[in-house]
C-alpha atoms as a PDB file:
ATOM      1  CA  UNK A   1     169.135-154.453  40.295  1.00  0.00           C
ATOM      2  CA  UNK A   2     168.045-157.137  42.707  1.00  0.00           C
ATOM      3  CA  UNK A   3     164.977-155.102  43.725  1.00  0.00           C
ATOM      4  CA  UNK A   4     163.843-154.876  40.091  1.00  0.00           C
ATOM      5  CA  UNK A   5     164.039-158.653  39.727  1.00  0.00           C
ATOM      6  CA  UNK A   6     161.956-159.113  42.883  1.00  0.00           C
ATOM      7  CA  UNK A   7     159.271-156.717  41.645  1.00  0.00           C
ATOM      8  CA  UNK A   8     159.175-158.448  38.265  1.00  0.00           C
ATOM      9  CA  UNK A   9     158.900-161.891  39.834  1.00  0.00           C
ATOM     10  CA  UNK A  10     156.106-160.727  42.134  1.00  0.00           C
ATOM     11  CA  UNK A  11     154.183-159.308  39.164  1.00  0.00           C
ATOM     12  CA  UNK A  12     154.591-162.567  37.241  1.00  0.00           C
ATOM     13  CA  UNK A  13     153.303-164.512  40.237  1.00  0.00           C
ATOM     14  CA  UNK A  14     150.233-162.241  40.479  1.00  0.00           C
ATOM     15  CA  UNK A  15     149.723-162.561  36.720  1.00  0.00           C
ATOM     16  CA  UNK A  16     149.830-166.347  36.883  1.00  0.00           C
ATOM     17  CA  UNK A  17     147.151-166.364  39.596  1.00  0.00           C
ATOM     18  CA  UNK A  18     144.954-164.019  37.605  1.00  0.00           C
ATOM     19  CA  UNK A  19     145.294-166.082  34.426  1.00  0.00           C
ATOM     20  CA  UNK A  20     144.110-169.199  36.263  1.00  0.00           C
ATOM     21  CA  UNK A  21     140.790-167.469  36.885  1.00  0.00           C
ATOM     22  CA  UNK A  22     140.341-165.145  33.875  1.00  0.00           C
ATOM     23  CA  UNK A  23     139.501-166.820  30.574  1.00  0.00           C
ATOM     24  CA  UNK A  24     138.146-165.137  27.459  1.00  0.00           C
ATOM     25  CA  UNK A  25     135.465-166.788  25.347  1.00  0.00           C
ATOM     26  CA  UNK A  26     133.679-165.835  22.149  1.00  0.00           C
ATOM     27  CA  UNK A  27     130.854-164.235  24.149  1.00  0.00           C
ATOM     28  CA  UNK A  28     133.186-162.446  26.587  1.00  0.00           C
ATOM     29  CA  UNK A  29     136.741-162.098  25.265  1.00  0.00           C
ATOM     30  CA  UNK A  30     139.617-161.094  27.539  1.00  0.00           C
ATOM     31  CA  UNK A  31     140.974-157.527  27.592  1.00  0.00           C
ATOM     32  CA  UNK A  32     144.673-157.957  28.383  1.00  0.00           C
ATOM     33  CA  UNK A  33     146.857-155.013  29.455  1.00  0.00           C
ATOM     34  CA  UNK A  34     150.635-154.646  29.258  1.00  0.00           C
ATOM     35  CA  UNK A  35     152.337-151.601  30.718  1.00  0.00           C
ATOM     36  CA  UNK A  36     155.905-150.556  30.016  1.00  0.00           C
ATOM     37  CA  UNK A  37     157.638-147.473  31.346  1.00  0.00           C
ATOM     38  CA  UNK A  38     156.961-145.447  28.184  1.00  0.00           C
ATOM     39  CA  UNK A  39     153.849-147.051  26.639  1.00  0.00           C
ATOM     40  CA  UNK A  40     150.712-149.049  27.366  1.00  0.00           C
ATOM     41  CA  UNK A  41     149.267-151.791  25.195  1.00  0.00           C
ATOM     42  CA  UNK A  42     146.004-153.744  25.273  1.00  0.00           C
ATOM     43  CA  UNK A  43     144.469-156.595  23.311  1.00  0.00           C
ATOM     44  CA  UNK A  44     141.069-158.231  23.130  1.00  0.00           C
ATOM     45  CA  UNK A  45     141.721-161.980  23.008  1.00  0.00           C
ATOM     46  CA  UNK A  46     139.479-164.993  22.384  1.00  0.00           C
ATOM     47  CA  UNK A  47     141.191-167.714  24.434  1.00  0.00           C
ATOM     48  CA  UNK A  48     139.084-170.572  23.043  1.00  0.00           C
ATOM     49  CA  UNK A  49     140.595-170.067  19.574  1.00  0.00           C
ATOM     50  CA  UNK A  50     143.781-168.342  20.760  1.00  0.00           C
ATOM     51  CA  UNK A  51     143.158-165.331  18.523  1.00  0.00           C
ATOM     52  CA  UNK A  52     143.686-161.613  19.069  1.00  0.00           C
ATOM     53  CA  UNK A  53     140.524-159.873  17.901  1.00  0.00           C
ATOM     54  CA  UNK A  54     141.583-156.235  18.391  1.00  0.00           C
ATOM     55  CA  UNK A  55     144.464-154.254  19.808  1.00  0.00           C
ATOM     56  CA  UNK A  56     145.374-150.687  20.708  1.00  0.00           C
ATOM     57  CA  UNK A  57     148.454-148.997  22.110  1.00  0.00           C
ATOM     58  CA  UNK A  58     150.140-145.664  22.549  1.00  0.00           C
ATOM     59  CA  UNK A  59     152.337-146.626  19.608  1.00  0.00           C
ATOM     60  CA  UNK A  60     149.393-146.250  17.201  1.00  0.00           C
ATOM     61  CA  UNK A  61     149.744-143.300  14.846  1.00  0.00           C
ATOM     62  CA  UNK A  62     146.490-141.550  15.773  1.00  0.00           C
ATOM     63  CA  UNK A  63     147.158-141.787  19.533  1.00  0.00           C
ATOM     64  CA  UNK A  64     150.805-140.751  19.129  1.00  0.00           C
ATOM     65  CA  UNK A  65     149.676-137.575  17.324  1.00  0.00           C
ATOM     66  CA  UNK A  66     147.360-136.608  20.196  1.00  0.00           C
ATOM     67  CA  UNK A  67     149.725-137.705  22.977  1.00  0.00           C
ATOM     68  CA  UNK A  68     153.445-137.915  22.050  1.00  0.00           C
ATOM     69  CA  UNK A  69     154.432-139.436  25.424  1.00  0.00           C
ATOM     70  CA  UNK A  70     152.579-142.664  26.125  1.00  0.00           C
ATOM     71  CA  UNK A  71     153.636-143.270  29.721  1.00  0.00           C
ATOM     72  CA  UNK A  72     150.906-141.323  31.511  1.00  0.00           C
ATOM     73  CA  UNK A  73     147.255-141.718  32.485  1.00  0.00           C
ATOM     74  CA  UNK A  74     145.948-139.386  29.743  1.00  0.00           C
ATOM     75  CA  UNK A  75     147.513-141.606  27.076  1.00  0.00           C
ATOM     76  CA  UNK A  76     146.054-144.688  28.777  1.00  0.00           C
ATOM     77  CA  UNK A  77     142.590-143.079  28.592  1.00  0.00           C
ATOM     78  CA  UNK A  78     143.022-142.607  24.840  1.00  0.00           C
ATOM     79  CA  UNK A  79     144.015-146.262  24.471  1.00  0.00           C
ATOM     80  CA  UNK A  80     140.892-147.257  26.440  1.00  0.00           C
ATOM     81  CA  UNK A  81     138.716-145.217  24.072  1.00  0.00           C
ATOM     82  CA  UNK A  82     140.432-146.735  21.041  1.00  0.00           C
ATOM     83  CA  UNK A  83     140.007-150.340  22.208  1.00  0.00           C
ATOM     84  CA  UNK A  84     136.325-149.686  22.979  1.00  0.00           C
ATOM     85  CA  UNK A  85     135.852-148.345  19.434  1.00  0.00           C
ATOM     86  CA  UNK A  86     137.599-151.391  17.952  1.00  0.00           C
ATOM     87  CA  UNK A  87     135.419-153.699  20.071  1.00  0.00           C
ATOM     88  CA  UNK A  88     132.254-151.888  18.969  1.00  0.00           C
ATOM     89  CA  UNK A  89     133.219-152.462  15.330  1.00  0.00           C
ATOM     90  CA  UNK A  90     133.403-156.192  16.074  1.00  0.00           C
ATOM     91  CA  UNK A  91     130.127-156.165  18.018  1.00  0.00           C
ATOM     92  CA  UNK A  92     131.791-156.865  21.369  1.00  0.00           C
ATOM     93  CA  UNK A  93     130.074-155.251  24.360  1.00  0.00           C
ATOM     94  CA  UNK A  94     131.137-157.492  27.264  1.00  0.00           C
ATOM     95  CA  UNK A  95     134.665-158.547  28.185  1.00  0.00           C
ATOM     96  CA  UNK A  96     136.660-159.961  31.098  1.00  0.00           C
ATOM     97  CA  UNK A  97     139.471-157.700  32.319  1.00  0.00           C
ATOM     98  CA  UNK A  98     143.014-159.054  32.719  1.00  0.00           C
ATOM     99  CA  UNK A  99     145.219-156.486  34.432  1.00  0.00           C
ATOM    100  CA  UNK A 100     148.325-158.554  33.744  1.00  0.00           C
ATOM    101  CA  UNK A 101     149.533-158.662  37.343  1.00  0.00           C
ATOM    102  CA  UNK A 102     149.684-154.884  37.624  1.00  0.00           C
ATOM    103  CA  UNK A 103     147.920-153.129  40.463  1.00  0.00           C
ATOM    104  CA  UNK A 104     144.531-151.697  39.520  1.00  0.00           C
ATOM    105  CA  UNK A 105     145.809-148.163  39.903  1.00  0.00           C
ATOM    106  CA  UNK A 106     147.146-145.323  37.771  1.00  0.00           C
ATOM    107  CA  UNK A 107     147.462-146.067  34.067  1.00  0.00           C
ATOM    108  CA  UNK A 108     145.824-149.497  34.253  1.00  0.00           C
ATOM    109  CA  UNK A 109     142.808-148.031  36.065  1.00  0.00           C
ATOM    110  CA  UNK A 110     142.626-145.102  33.611  1.00  0.00           C
ATOM    111  CA  UNK A 111     142.554-147.494  30.657  1.00  0.00           C
ATOM    112  CA  UNK A 112     139.908-149.716  32.259  1.00  0.00           C
ATOM    113  CA  UNK A 113     137.685-146.792  33.275  1.00  0.00           C
ATOM    114  CA  UNK A 114     137.945-145.230  29.833  1.00  0.00           C
ATOM    115  CA  UNK A 115     136.988-148.508  28.135  1.00  0.00           C
ATOM    116  CA  UNK A 116     134.065-148.918  30.557  1.00  0.00           C
ATOM    117  CA  UNK A 117     132.860-145.346  29.931  1.00  0.00           C
ATOM    118  CA  UNK A 118     132.868-146.052  26.187  1.00  0.00           C
ATOM    119  CA  UNK A 119     130.341-148.918  26.438  1.00  0.00           C
ATOM    120  CA  UNK A 120     132.707-151.838  27.035  1.00  0.00           C
ATOM    121  CA  UNK A 121     131.217-153.623  30.054  1.00  0.00           C
ATOM    122  CA  UNK A 122     132.906-156.100  32.387  1.00  0.00           C
END
């Protein structure tokens, strides 16, 4: 149990350092990622107004139909595609990426690469 607390605290410390540097504006909103053991969530946020512009997750009905288990890289790719589609509807092409203190590896990397391949540049 103690090891889990240490890992969590280390992630929060990394996240805090990232958030000092990464700030979303109207021109380039922030793509924020949260990863749980069974799902992955992402939001496009305008930090100047403090508003979530778009969101996608493995809990969404259309993604859940394609991929019942949301805790793998394939599901993260689908979420990346979905968030890129939502951003395109809003006319957003450029973002800043906030990995939320997670290592840029595995599901987080799959989501980011999928969003980038679907015309969401950062």
